[in-house]
N, C-alpha and C. Protein backbone atom coordinates (compact mmCIF):
# COMPACT_ATOMS: atom_id res chain seq x y z
N MET A 1 258.89 -16.44 -37.34
CA MET A 1 260.25 -16.34 -36.82
C MET A 1 260.88 -17.72 -37.21
N SER A 2 262.23 -17.51 -37.70
CA SER A 2 262.99 -18.62 -38.28
C SER A 2 263.61 -19.54 -37.04
N LYS A 3 263.58 -20.75 -37.15
CA LYS A 3 264.14 -21.59 -36.19
C LYS A 3 265.57 -21.60 -35.98
N ALA A 4 266.25 -21.59 -34.94
CA ALA A 4 267.66 -21.14 -34.75
C ALA A 4 268.38 -22.63 -35.09
N THR A 5 269.25 -22.32 -35.92
CA THR A 5 269.96 -23.68 -36.38
C THR A 5 271.41 -23.60 -35.97
N LYS A 6 271.98 -22.64 -35.31
CA LYS A 6 273.15 -22.63 -34.67
C LYS A 6 273.13 -22.15 -33.11
N LYS A 7 274.06 -22.63 -32.31
CA LYS A 7 274.03 -22.23 -31.03
C LYS A 7 275.48 -21.75 -30.62
N ILE A 8 275.53 -20.52 -30.30
CA ILE A 8 276.78 -19.87 -29.97
C ILE A 8 276.83 -19.29 -28.60
N GLY A 9 277.92 -19.65 -27.87
CA GLY A 9 278.27 -19.15 -26.53
C GLY A 9 278.99 -17.80 -26.60
N ILE A 10 278.68 -16.94 -25.69
CA ILE A 10 279.41 -15.62 -25.69
C ILE A 10 280.20 -15.51 -24.31
N MET A 11 281.46 -15.13 -24.07
CA MET A 11 282.18 -15.09 -23.17
C MET A 11 282.83 -13.78 -23.22
N GLY A 12 282.26 -12.78 -22.31
CA GLY A 12 282.60 -11.44 -22.35
C GLY A 12 283.53 -11.14 -21.17
N GLY A 13 284.20 -9.99 -21.25
CA GLY A 13 285.10 -9.65 -20.06
C GLY A 13 286.19 -8.87 -20.47
N THR A 14 286.89 -8.26 -19.47
CA THR A 14 288.09 -7.27 -19.84
C THR A 14 289.22 -8.27 -20.32
N PHE A 15 289.28 -9.49 -19.80
CA PHE A 15 290.46 -10.24 -20.31
C PHE A 15 291.80 -9.60 -20.07
N ASP A 16 292.02 -9.08 -18.88
CA ASP A 16 293.18 -8.19 -18.57
C ASP A 16 294.20 -8.88 -17.33
N PRO A 17 294.68 -10.09 -17.60
CA PRO A 17 294.69 -10.84 -18.80
C PRO A 17 293.77 -12.00 -18.90
N ILE A 18 293.48 -12.62 -20.10
CA ILE A 18 292.71 -13.96 -20.12
C ILE A 18 293.58 -14.92 -19.60
N HIS A 19 292.86 -15.84 -18.72
CA HIS A 19 293.58 -16.86 -18.21
C HIS A 19 292.96 -18.32 -18.13
N MET A 20 293.67 -19.35 -17.71
CA MET A 20 293.12 -20.66 -17.82
C MET A 20 291.48 -20.87 -17.47
N GLY A 21 291.15 -20.15 -16.30
CA GLY A 21 289.84 -20.15 -15.82
C GLY A 21 288.93 -19.83 -16.89
N HIS A 22 288.95 -18.67 -17.67
CA HIS A 22 288.11 -18.24 -18.70
C HIS A 22 288.14 -19.37 -19.79
N LEU A 23 289.24 -20.00 -20.13
CA LEU A 23 289.29 -20.90 -21.33
C LEU A 23 288.68 -22.23 -20.87
N ILE A 24 288.74 -22.66 -19.55
CA ILE A 24 288.13 -23.87 -19.20
C ILE A 24 286.53 -23.72 -19.25
N LEU A 25 286.18 -22.68 -18.73
CA LEU A 25 284.80 -22.18 -18.72
C LEU A 25 284.30 -22.24 -19.95
N GLY A 26 284.82 -21.75 -21.08
CA GLY A 26 284.35 -21.50 -22.42
C GLY A 26 284.34 -22.97 -22.97
N GLU A 27 285.18 -23.97 -22.60
CA GLU A 27 285.28 -25.28 -23.14
C GLU A 27 284.30 -26.01 -22.58
N LYS A 28 283.90 -25.97 -21.41
CA LYS A 28 282.97 -26.75 -20.64
C LYS A 28 281.52 -26.14 -21.05
N ALA A 29 281.26 -25.06 -21.47
CA ALA A 29 280.02 -24.40 -22.00
C ALA A 29 279.79 -24.91 -23.32
N TYR A 30 280.92 -25.19 -24.13
CA TYR A 30 281.01 -25.75 -25.46
C TYR A 30 280.52 -27.14 -25.44
N GLU A 31 280.98 -27.91 -24.48
CA GLU A 31 280.76 -29.29 -24.28
C GLU A 31 279.34 -29.72 -23.82
N GLN A 32 278.97 -28.90 -22.66
CA GLN A 32 277.84 -29.21 -21.96
C GLN A 32 276.52 -28.77 -22.82
N LEU A 33 276.66 -27.58 -23.53
CA LEU A 33 275.51 -27.07 -24.14
C LEU A 33 275.55 -27.58 -25.84
N GLU A 34 276.58 -28.31 -26.10
CA GLU A 34 276.86 -28.87 -27.54
C GLU A 34 276.74 -27.53 -28.52
N LEU A 35 277.64 -26.48 -28.13
CA LEU A 35 277.45 -25.21 -28.99
C LEU A 35 278.29 -25.51 -30.23
N ASP A 36 278.05 -24.55 -31.23
CA ASP A 36 278.81 -24.69 -32.40
C ASP A 36 280.05 -23.89 -32.16
N LYS A 37 280.22 -22.96 -31.44
CA LYS A 37 281.41 -22.28 -30.98
C LYS A 37 281.06 -21.26 -29.92
N VAL A 38 282.21 -20.79 -29.53
CA VAL A 38 282.15 -19.69 -28.25
C VAL A 38 282.88 -18.57 -28.78
N LEU A 39 282.27 -17.47 -28.68
CA LEU A 39 283.01 -16.21 -28.98
C LEU A 39 283.54 -15.66 -27.69
N PHE A 40 284.72 -15.17 -27.72
CA PHE A 40 285.47 -14.61 -26.74
C PHE A 40 285.41 -13.04 -27.09
N MET A 41 284.77 -12.17 -26.13
CA MET A 41 284.30 -10.69 -26.75
C MET A 41 284.90 -9.82 -25.56
N PRO A 42 286.27 -9.53 -25.84
CA PRO A 42 286.76 -8.30 -24.89
C PRO A 42 285.88 -7.11 -24.97
N CYS A 43 285.61 -6.50 -23.77
CA CYS A 43 284.93 -5.26 -23.83
C CYS A 43 285.86 -4.17 -23.98
N GLY A 44 285.41 -3.14 -24.60
CA GLY A 44 286.10 -1.86 -24.89
C GLY A 44 286.21 -0.86 -23.72
N ASN A 45 287.22 -0.03 -23.77
CA ASN A 45 287.38 0.97 -22.75
C ASN A 45 286.96 2.24 -23.30
N PRO A 46 286.26 3.10 -22.57
CA PRO A 46 286.09 4.50 -23.11
C PRO A 46 287.37 5.20 -23.20
N PRO A 47 287.18 6.25 -24.29
CA PRO A 47 288.54 6.92 -24.35
C PRO A 47 289.35 7.48 -23.38
N HIS A 48 288.66 7.84 -22.35
CA HIS A 48 289.47 8.51 -21.15
C HIS A 48 290.13 7.34 -20.37
N LYS A 49 289.74 6.00 -20.69
CA LYS A 49 290.19 5.00 -19.72
C LYS A 49 291.25 4.10 -20.71
N ARG A 50 291.47 4.43 -21.75
CA ARG A 50 292.25 3.68 -22.98
C ARG A 50 293.63 3.28 -22.33
N ASN A 51 294.40 4.24 -21.64
CA ASN A 51 295.58 3.87 -21.23
C ASN A 51 295.88 4.01 -19.85
N ARG A 52 295.09 3.16 -19.05
CA ARG A 52 295.23 3.30 -17.67
C ARG A 52 296.58 2.55 -17.05
N LYS A 53 297.19 3.36 -16.32
CA LYS A 53 298.55 2.74 -15.58
C LYS A 53 298.43 1.30 -15.20
N GLY A 54 299.41 0.47 -15.46
CA GLY A 54 299.36 -0.91 -14.76
C GLY A 54 298.33 -1.86 -15.52
N ARG A 55 297.63 -1.34 -16.59
CA ARG A 55 296.79 -2.25 -17.27
C ARG A 55 297.04 -2.36 -18.85
N ALA A 56 296.61 -3.39 -19.43
CA ALA A 56 296.90 -3.70 -20.86
C ALA A 56 296.01 -2.66 -21.68
N THR A 57 296.50 -2.34 -22.87
CA THR A 57 295.76 -1.52 -23.74
C THR A 57 294.68 -2.32 -24.42
N ASP A 58 293.52 -1.81 -24.93
CA ASP A 58 292.61 -2.52 -25.69
C ASP A 58 293.20 -3.53 -26.78
N GLU A 59 294.29 -3.06 -27.66
CA GLU A 59 294.76 -3.98 -28.56
C GLU A 59 295.63 -5.06 -27.95
N GLN A 60 296.36 -4.59 -26.93
CA GLN A 60 296.97 -5.81 -26.07
C GLN A 60 296.19 -6.95 -25.52
N ARG A 61 295.05 -6.40 -25.01
CA ARG A 61 294.18 -7.43 -24.46
C ARG A 61 293.41 -8.27 -25.54
N ALA A 62 293.20 -7.74 -26.69
CA ALA A 62 292.62 -8.36 -27.95
C ALA A 62 293.63 -9.41 -28.33
N GLU A 63 294.93 -8.95 -28.49
CA GLU A 63 296.01 -9.96 -28.78
C GLU A 63 296.20 -11.11 -27.86
N MET A 64 296.05 -10.70 -26.57
CA MET A 64 296.19 -12.04 -25.67
C MET A 64 295.08 -12.90 -25.74
N VAL A 65 293.86 -12.58 -26.04
CA VAL A 65 292.53 -13.38 -26.39
C VAL A 65 293.07 -14.25 -27.57
N ARG A 66 293.51 -13.49 -28.65
CA ARG A 66 293.78 -14.25 -29.95
C ARG A 66 294.89 -15.19 -29.80
N LEU A 67 295.97 -15.00 -28.99
CA LEU A 67 296.90 -15.94 -28.62
C LEU A 67 296.33 -17.08 -27.86
N ALA A 68 295.58 -16.81 -26.80
CA ALA A 68 295.10 -17.71 -25.99
C ALA A 68 294.25 -18.84 -26.72
N ILE A 69 293.51 -18.44 -27.64
CA ILE A 69 292.39 -19.31 -28.28
C ILE A 69 292.79 -19.74 -29.72
N GLU A 70 293.98 -19.46 -30.42
CA GLU A 70 294.22 -19.61 -31.65
C GLU A 70 294.29 -21.09 -32.10
N ASP A 71 294.40 -22.09 -31.14
CA ASP A 71 294.69 -23.42 -31.38
C ASP A 71 293.49 -24.12 -31.14
N ASN A 72 292.31 -23.46 -30.89
CA ASN A 72 291.01 -24.11 -30.61
C ASN A 72 290.07 -23.69 -31.74
N PRO A 73 289.56 -24.82 -32.60
CA PRO A 73 288.86 -24.38 -33.66
C PRO A 73 287.45 -23.80 -33.41
N HIS A 74 286.87 -24.05 -32.27
CA HIS A 74 285.61 -23.71 -31.71
C HIS A 74 285.45 -22.56 -30.80
N PHE A 75 286.80 -21.82 -30.75
CA PHE A 75 286.72 -20.49 -30.11
C PHE A 75 286.99 -19.54 -31.10
N GLU A 76 286.39 -18.24 -31.03
CA GLU A 76 286.61 -17.32 -31.90
C GLU A 76 286.71 -15.87 -31.15
N LEU A 77 287.73 -14.95 -31.68
CA LEU A 77 287.75 -13.63 -31.18
C LEU A 77 286.65 -12.89 -31.82
N SER A 78 285.83 -12.00 -30.99
CA SER A 78 284.97 -11.03 -31.60
C SER A 78 285.28 -9.60 -30.92
N LEU A 79 285.47 -8.62 -31.90
CA LEU A 79 285.77 -7.29 -31.33
C LEU A 79 284.67 -6.51 -31.40
N ILE A 80 283.39 -6.91 -31.40
CA ILE A 80 282.20 -6.16 -31.70
C ILE A 80 282.08 -5.10 -30.58
N GLU A 81 282.57 -5.19 -29.43
CA GLU A 81 282.51 -4.20 -28.32
C GLU A 81 283.55 -3.34 -28.20
N MET A 82 284.62 -3.46 -29.16
CA MET A 82 285.80 -2.77 -29.13
C MET A 82 285.57 -1.68 -30.33
N HIS A 83 285.07 -0.59 -30.04
CA HIS A 83 284.75 0.54 -30.99
C HIS A 83 285.08 1.95 -30.49
N GLU A 84 284.76 2.81 -31.18
CA GLU A 84 285.33 4.26 -30.74
C GLU A 84 284.85 4.71 -29.58
N GLU A 85 283.35 4.48 -29.35
CA GLU A 85 282.83 4.90 -27.94
C GLU A 85 283.42 4.19 -26.65
N GLY A 86 283.89 2.86 -27.13
CA GLY A 86 284.73 2.21 -26.04
C GLY A 86 283.72 1.45 -25.06
N TYR A 87 282.43 1.57 -25.09
CA TYR A 87 281.60 0.87 -24.09
C TYR A 87 280.24 0.65 -24.71
N THR A 88 279.74 -0.49 -24.56
CA THR A 88 278.45 -0.90 -24.86
C THR A 88 277.65 -1.63 -23.91
N TYR A 89 276.36 -1.62 -23.91
CA TYR A 89 275.65 -2.43 -22.75
C TYR A 89 275.29 -3.69 -23.36
N THR A 90 275.49 -4.70 -22.61
CA THR A 90 275.23 -6.06 -23.08
C THR A 90 273.92 -6.31 -23.92
N TYR A 91 272.99 -5.80 -23.47
CA TYR A 91 271.64 -6.05 -24.15
C TYR A 91 271.89 -5.52 -25.66
N ARG A 92 272.52 -4.42 -25.84
CA ARG A 92 272.62 -3.79 -27.04
C ARG A 92 273.45 -4.83 -28.02
N THR A 93 274.51 -5.30 -27.48
CA THR A 93 275.31 -6.19 -28.12
C THR A 93 274.51 -7.57 -28.55
N LEU A 94 273.85 -8.03 -27.73
CA LEU A 94 273.13 -9.19 -28.03
C LEU A 94 271.94 -9.00 -28.91
N GLU A 95 271.31 -7.80 -28.76
CA GLU A 95 270.29 -7.49 -29.82
C GLU A 95 270.85 -7.27 -31.24
N GLN A 96 272.05 -6.66 -31.36
CA GLN A 96 272.77 -6.43 -32.53
C GLN A 96 273.02 -7.85 -33.20
N LEU A 97 273.51 -8.78 -32.32
CA LEU A 97 273.95 -9.96 -33.03
C LEU A 97 272.53 -10.73 -33.42
N ASN A 98 271.68 -10.70 -32.69
CA ASN A 98 270.37 -11.43 -33.12
C ASN A 98 269.70 -10.95 -34.39
N LYS A 99 269.93 -9.72 -34.51
CA LYS A 99 269.30 -9.05 -35.67
C LYS A 99 270.21 -9.33 -36.91
N ALA A 100 271.49 -9.43 -36.75
CA ALA A 100 272.49 -9.83 -37.85
C ALA A 100 272.34 -11.45 -37.96
N ASN A 101 272.14 -12.15 -37.15
CA ASN A 101 272.15 -13.66 -37.15
C ASN A 101 270.73 -14.23 -36.59
N PRO A 102 269.72 -14.25 -37.46
CA PRO A 102 268.40 -14.58 -36.87
C PRO A 102 268.25 -16.01 -36.82
N ASP A 103 269.17 -16.72 -37.41
CA ASP A 103 269.20 -18.19 -37.24
C ASP A 103 270.02 -18.78 -36.11
N THR A 104 270.50 -17.82 -35.31
CA THR A 104 271.38 -18.26 -34.05
C THR A 104 270.74 -18.06 -32.71
N GLU A 105 270.97 -19.14 -31.94
CA GLU A 105 270.63 -18.87 -30.54
C GLU A 105 271.87 -18.62 -29.67
N TYR A 106 271.89 -17.61 -28.83
CA TYR A 106 272.91 -17.09 -27.89
C TYR A 106 272.91 -17.64 -26.69
N TYR A 107 274.01 -17.82 -25.99
CA TYR A 107 274.15 -18.32 -24.67
C TYR A 107 275.29 -17.49 -24.00
N PHE A 108 274.86 -16.49 -23.08
CA PHE A 108 275.77 -15.71 -22.50
C PHE A 108 276.25 -16.21 -21.25
N ILE A 109 277.56 -16.27 -21.02
CA ILE A 109 278.21 -16.84 -19.87
C ILE A 109 278.53 -16.02 -18.96
N ILE A 110 278.13 -16.21 -17.68
CA ILE A 110 278.41 -15.38 -16.55
C ILE A 110 278.82 -16.13 -15.42
N GLY A 111 279.52 -15.49 -14.26
CA GLY A 111 279.98 -15.98 -13.19
C GLY A 111 279.01 -16.02 -12.22
N ALA A 112 278.97 -16.85 -11.24
CA ALA A 112 278.08 -16.85 -9.92
C ALA A 112 277.87 -15.46 -9.37
N ASP A 113 279.00 -14.87 -9.22
CA ASP A 113 278.94 -13.48 -8.51
C ASP A 113 278.12 -12.45 -9.46
N SER A 114 278.28 -12.60 -10.79
CA SER A 114 277.33 -11.73 -11.62
C SER A 114 275.88 -12.06 -11.45
N LEU A 115 275.63 -13.21 -11.12
CA LEU A 115 274.07 -13.68 -10.97
C LEU A 115 273.42 -12.93 -9.92
N TYR A 116 274.09 -12.55 -9.11
CA TYR A 116 273.59 -11.90 -7.89
C TYR A 116 273.63 -10.23 -8.03
N ASP A 117 274.31 -9.89 -9.07
CA ASP A 117 274.38 -8.41 -9.46
C ASP A 117 273.45 -8.28 -10.57
N PHE A 118 272.75 -9.20 -11.27
CA PHE A 118 272.08 -9.11 -12.43
C PHE A 118 271.10 -8.00 -12.37
N ASP A 119 270.29 -8.02 -11.23
CA ASP A 119 269.32 -7.02 -11.18
C ASP A 119 269.86 -5.64 -11.48
N THR A 120 271.07 -5.14 -11.22
CA THR A 120 271.66 -3.86 -11.38
C THR A 120 272.16 -3.70 -12.77
N TRP A 121 272.08 -4.77 -13.70
CA TRP A 121 272.59 -4.66 -15.03
C TRP A 121 271.60 -3.63 -15.71
N CYS A 122 272.08 -3.02 -16.90
CA CYS A 122 271.25 -2.15 -17.77
C CYS A 122 270.15 -3.18 -18.54
N ARG A 123 268.97 -2.91 -18.36
CA ARG A 123 267.95 -3.81 -19.14
C ARG A 123 268.16 -5.29 -18.98
N PRO A 124 267.91 -5.92 -17.77
CA PRO A 124 268.10 -7.40 -17.60
C PRO A 124 267.06 -8.09 -18.36
N ASP A 125 265.94 -7.42 -18.51
CA ASP A 125 264.75 -8.00 -19.23
C ASP A 125 265.04 -8.25 -20.79
N ARG A 126 265.80 -7.22 -21.40
CA ARG A 126 266.22 -7.19 -22.84
C ARG A 126 267.32 -8.28 -22.78
N ILE A 127 268.15 -8.37 -22.05
CA ILE A 127 269.22 -9.41 -21.90
C ILE A 127 268.68 -10.85 -21.96
N CYS A 128 267.75 -11.01 -21.14
CA CYS A 128 267.12 -12.54 -20.89
C CYS A 128 266.18 -12.70 -22.39
N LYS A 129 265.58 -11.76 -23.07
CA LYS A 129 264.99 -11.91 -24.14
C LYS A 129 265.90 -12.29 -25.43
N ALA A 130 267.23 -11.76 -25.31
CA ALA A 130 268.14 -11.87 -26.43
C ALA A 130 269.02 -13.17 -26.28
N ALA A 131 269.15 -13.72 -25.05
CA ALA A 131 270.00 -14.80 -24.78
C ALA A 131 269.63 -15.64 -23.62
N SER A 132 270.18 -16.95 -23.59
CA SER A 132 270.03 -17.61 -22.48
C SER A 132 271.21 -17.50 -21.65
N LEU A 133 271.13 -17.54 -20.19
CA LEU A 133 272.25 -17.08 -19.36
C LEU A 133 272.96 -18.43 -18.90
N LEU A 134 274.07 -18.59 -19.04
CA LEU A 134 274.90 -19.89 -18.64
C LEU A 134 275.62 -19.51 -17.35
N VAL A 135 275.34 -20.10 -16.19
CA VAL A 135 275.83 -19.56 -14.98
C VAL A 135 277.00 -20.48 -14.35
N ALA A 136 278.18 -20.01 -14.27
CA ALA A 136 279.24 -20.85 -13.80
C ALA A 136 279.21 -20.90 -12.20
N THR A 137 279.47 -22.09 -11.66
CA THR A 137 279.47 -22.18 -10.26
C THR A 137 280.81 -21.75 -9.48
N ARG A 138 280.80 -21.26 -8.27
CA ARG A 138 281.92 -20.97 -7.54
C ARG A 138 281.89 -21.63 -6.20
N ASN A 139 283.08 -22.00 -5.58
CA ASN A 139 283.18 -22.67 -4.31
C ASN A 139 282.49 -21.78 -3.14
N ALA A 140 282.52 -20.47 -3.33
CA ALA A 140 281.94 -19.62 -2.38
C ALA A 140 280.46 -19.65 -2.35
N VAL A 141 279.87 -20.08 -3.45
CA VAL A 141 278.40 -19.87 -3.53
C VAL A 141 277.69 -21.28 -3.29
N PRO A 142 276.94 -21.42 -2.15
CA PRO A 142 276.31 -22.86 -1.93
C PRO A 142 275.23 -22.79 -3.03
N GLU A 143 275.13 -24.33 -3.32
CA GLU A 143 274.36 -24.87 -4.60
C GLU A 143 272.85 -24.21 -4.43
N GLU A 144 272.38 -24.54 -3.26
CA GLU A 144 270.98 -24.17 -2.94
C GLU A 144 270.72 -22.65 -3.24
N SER A 145 271.62 -21.78 -2.78
CA SER A 145 271.42 -20.38 -2.97
C SER A 145 271.42 -20.03 -4.50
N LEU A 146 272.48 -20.83 -5.05
CA LEU A 146 272.46 -20.40 -6.59
C LEU A 146 271.24 -20.70 -7.52
N LYS A 147 270.64 -21.94 -7.03
CA LYS A 147 269.43 -22.41 -7.71
C LYS A 147 268.30 -21.50 -7.43
N GLU A 148 268.23 -21.00 -6.12
CA GLU A 148 267.11 -20.06 -5.69
C GLU A 148 267.13 -18.74 -6.58
N GLN A 149 268.38 -18.17 -6.66
CA GLN A 149 268.74 -16.98 -7.37
C GLN A 149 268.49 -17.06 -8.94
N MET A 150 268.71 -18.36 -9.39
CA MET A 150 268.45 -18.51 -10.87
C MET A 150 267.06 -18.58 -11.11
N LEU A 151 266.13 -19.35 -10.20
CA LEU A 151 264.75 -19.23 -10.36
C LEU A 151 264.07 -17.88 -10.17
N TYR A 152 264.58 -17.11 -9.00
CA TYR A 152 263.93 -15.81 -8.95
C TYR A 152 264.17 -14.86 -10.10
N LEU A 153 265.44 -14.94 -10.81
CA LEU A 153 265.67 -14.17 -11.96
C LEU A 153 264.84 -14.65 -13.19
N GLU A 154 264.60 -15.96 -13.33
CA GLU A 154 263.89 -16.74 -14.32
C GLU A 154 262.51 -16.06 -14.26
N GLU A 155 261.72 -16.06 -13.17
CA GLU A 155 260.42 -15.65 -12.86
C GLU A 155 260.34 -14.31 -13.19
N LYS A 156 261.38 -13.41 -12.57
CA LYS A 156 261.21 -11.96 -12.82
C LYS A 156 261.20 -11.51 -14.10
N TYR A 157 262.29 -12.16 -14.91
CA TYR A 157 262.62 -11.50 -16.34
C TYR A 157 262.14 -12.56 -17.35
N LYS A 158 261.54 -13.47 -17.10
CA LYS A 158 260.99 -14.57 -17.99
C LYS A 158 262.22 -15.04 -18.91
N GLY A 159 263.34 -15.30 -18.19
CA GLY A 159 264.53 -15.83 -18.84
C GLY A 159 264.75 -17.29 -18.78
N ASN A 160 265.99 -17.66 -19.34
CA ASN A 160 266.24 -18.93 -19.34
C ASN A 160 267.72 -18.99 -18.69
N PHE A 161 267.77 -19.47 -17.45
CA PHE A 161 269.01 -19.52 -16.89
C PHE A 161 269.63 -20.99 -16.55
N ILE A 162 270.81 -21.32 -17.04
CA ILE A 162 271.25 -22.73 -16.96
C ILE A 162 272.63 -22.79 -16.34
N GLN A 163 272.53 -23.78 -15.24
CA GLN A 163 273.82 -24.01 -14.37
C GLN A 163 274.68 -24.74 -15.23
N LEU A 164 276.14 -24.01 -15.37
CA LEU A 164 277.10 -24.73 -16.07
C LEU A 164 277.91 -25.72 -14.75
N HIS A 165 278.08 -26.93 -15.16
CA HIS A 165 279.02 -27.78 -14.33
C HIS A 165 280.41 -27.79 -14.61
N THR A 166 280.90 -26.77 -13.86
CA THR A 166 282.47 -26.53 -14.25
C THR A 166 283.43 -26.66 -13.01
N PRO A 167 284.62 -26.95 -13.15
CA PRO A 167 285.42 -27.10 -11.94
C PRO A 167 285.57 -25.72 -11.30
N ASN A 168 285.79 -25.49 -10.11
CA ASN A 168 285.81 -24.23 -9.50
C ASN A 168 287.36 -23.76 -9.38
N LEU A 169 287.56 -23.08 -10.40
CA LEU A 169 289.00 -22.39 -10.38
C LEU A 169 288.95 -21.13 -9.88
N GLU A 170 289.47 -20.84 -8.65
CA GLU A 170 289.36 -19.43 -8.10
C GLU A 170 290.72 -18.67 -8.66
N ILE A 171 290.58 -18.19 -9.82
CA ILE A 171 291.61 -17.34 -10.42
C ILE A 171 290.95 -16.11 -10.71
N SER A 172 291.82 -14.90 -10.62
CA SER A 172 291.20 -13.61 -10.99
C SER A 172 292.38 -12.91 -11.72
N SER A 173 291.93 -12.15 -12.69
CA SER A 173 292.95 -11.36 -13.44
C SER A 173 293.70 -10.43 -12.61
N GLN A 174 292.88 -9.87 -11.54
CA GLN A 174 293.51 -8.90 -10.75
C GLN A 174 294.59 -9.46 -10.12
N THR A 175 294.46 -10.73 -9.33
CA THR A 175 295.48 -11.35 -8.54
C THR A 175 296.78 -11.61 -9.58
N LEU A 176 296.59 -12.06 -10.86
CA LEU A 176 297.57 -12.24 -11.74
C LEU A 176 298.48 -11.01 -12.09
N ARG A 177 297.51 -9.91 -12.26
CA ARG A 177 298.41 -8.56 -12.55
C ARG A 177 299.17 -8.27 -11.23
N ASP A 178 298.73 -8.40 -10.10
CA ASP A 178 299.53 -8.30 -8.95
C ASP A 178 300.71 -9.10 -8.67
N TRP A 179 300.49 -10.33 -9.13
CA TRP A 179 301.72 -11.30 -9.08
C TRP A 179 302.76 -10.89 -10.04
N ILE A 180 302.31 -10.46 -11.27
CA ILE A 180 303.31 -10.14 -12.33
C ILE A 180 304.13 -8.72 -11.89
N ARG A 181 303.17 -7.89 -11.18
CA ARG A 181 304.00 -6.54 -10.88
C ARG A 181 304.94 -6.95 -9.68
N GLN A 182 304.70 -7.94 -8.88
CA GLN A 182 305.54 -8.35 -7.80
C GLN A 182 306.73 -9.26 -8.16
N GLY A 183 306.66 -9.63 -9.49
CA GLY A 183 307.70 -10.56 -9.89
C GLY A 183 307.39 -12.11 -9.58
N LYS A 184 306.18 -12.33 -9.31
CA LYS A 184 305.94 -13.85 -8.95
C LYS A 184 305.72 -14.44 -10.16
N SER A 185 305.64 -15.75 -10.10
CA SER A 185 305.41 -16.61 -11.40
C SER A 185 303.79 -16.88 -11.55
N VAL A 186 303.56 -16.71 -12.74
CA VAL A 186 301.99 -16.89 -13.17
C VAL A 186 302.12 -18.09 -14.25
N ARG A 187 303.03 -18.63 -14.42
CA ARG A 187 302.96 -19.94 -15.29
C ARG A 187 302.07 -20.98 -14.80
N TYR A 188 301.41 -21.56 -15.81
CA TYR A 188 300.33 -22.54 -15.49
C TYR A 188 299.12 -21.96 -15.38
N TYR A 189 299.07 -20.66 -15.24
CA TYR A 189 297.77 -19.85 -14.96
C TYR A 189 297.40 -19.15 -16.22
N LEU A 190 298.31 -19.18 -17.21
CA LEU A 190 298.19 -18.36 -18.51
C LEU A 190 298.67 -19.44 -19.60
N VAL A 191 298.04 -19.36 -20.85
CA VAL A 191 298.56 -20.06 -21.98
C VAL A 191 299.98 -19.62 -22.12
N ASP A 192 300.93 -20.33 -22.58
CA ASP A 192 302.26 -20.10 -22.75
C ASP A 192 302.54 -18.90 -23.72
N GLU A 193 301.96 -18.92 -24.61
CA GLU A 193 301.91 -17.73 -25.84
C GLU A 193 301.60 -16.43 -25.06
N VAL A 194 300.64 -16.39 -24.12
CA VAL A 194 300.05 -15.04 -23.56
C VAL A 194 301.13 -14.92 -22.54
N TYR A 195 301.75 -15.75 -21.87
CA TYR A 195 302.72 -15.47 -20.75
C TYR A 195 303.87 -14.94 -21.34
N THR A 196 304.38 -15.46 -22.60
CA THR A 196 305.44 -14.92 -23.40
C THR A 196 305.22 -13.50 -23.72
N TYR A 197 303.99 -13.29 -24.24
CA TYR A 197 303.66 -12.01 -24.74
C TYR A 197 303.63 -10.89 -23.70
N ILE A 198 303.09 -11.15 -22.76
CA ILE A 198 303.10 -10.30 -21.35
C ILE A 198 304.58 -10.03 -21.02
N ARG A 199 305.40 -10.92 -21.01
CA ARG A 199 306.84 -10.61 -20.60
C ARG A 199 307.57 -9.62 -21.60
N GLU A 200 307.32 -10.11 -22.98
CA GLU A 200 308.03 -9.40 -24.08
C GLU A 200 307.40 -7.97 -24.13
N GLU A 201 306.15 -7.59 -23.84
CA GLU A 201 305.60 -6.31 -24.04
C GLU A 201 305.83 -5.49 -22.62
N GLY A 202 306.17 -6.21 -21.58
CA GLY A 202 306.43 -5.70 -20.21
C GLY A 202 304.94 -5.10 -19.79
N ILE A 203 303.95 -5.92 -20.03
CA ILE A 203 302.61 -5.52 -19.46
C ILE A 203 302.47 -5.63 -18.24
N TYR A 204 301.83 -4.81 -17.35
CA TYR A 204 301.60 -4.96 -15.76
C TYR A 204 302.77 -4.84 -14.85
N ARG A 205 303.90 -4.44 -15.48
CA ARG A 205 305.07 -4.12 -14.74
C ARG A 205 304.97 -2.76 -14.07
N ALA A 206 305.55 -2.65 -12.86
CA ALA A 206 305.52 -1.51 -12.24
C ALA A 206 306.08 -0.54 -12.65
């Protein structure tokens, strides 16, 4: 087995829309783990959910990510999960990346809330084998509880869970969509180019 020469972080999500919390988390992961780059990987929607009312299309979500990260040389857009089937399991994506890039070590970024749902994910054992898990903290989750859950999952799945030291920014895409729908300002929660794109495209409007 060849030794890894690259360290790449993966930030997955719907990014509907991508906001400052996502970007700060990616930047802190890059800094703390001394990564070569961070892939922003919007998940695809199945064909029957492609044009959900009040949501951005796959193409719009990908464009918002591109606009949000274009001025950061160590951020990169990956469309590996946007394909005709519209949905893929995390373990399959990670195994596909490992097979294509055997010289790379992957770090999959998750929020603290996902840590407590991890047992319900499809094949958590294979996820742990394919990547290290970077866990972002949240104000609502006590430090001791977070560490206990990470240790439990490490032992159960023989994985590597690493706590990310990040500022606790309680921003959700759902809240931002609601604010836009209600005509409230979302400035400073979004990159200016994304904010302009949403207004010009009329995304999330009632």
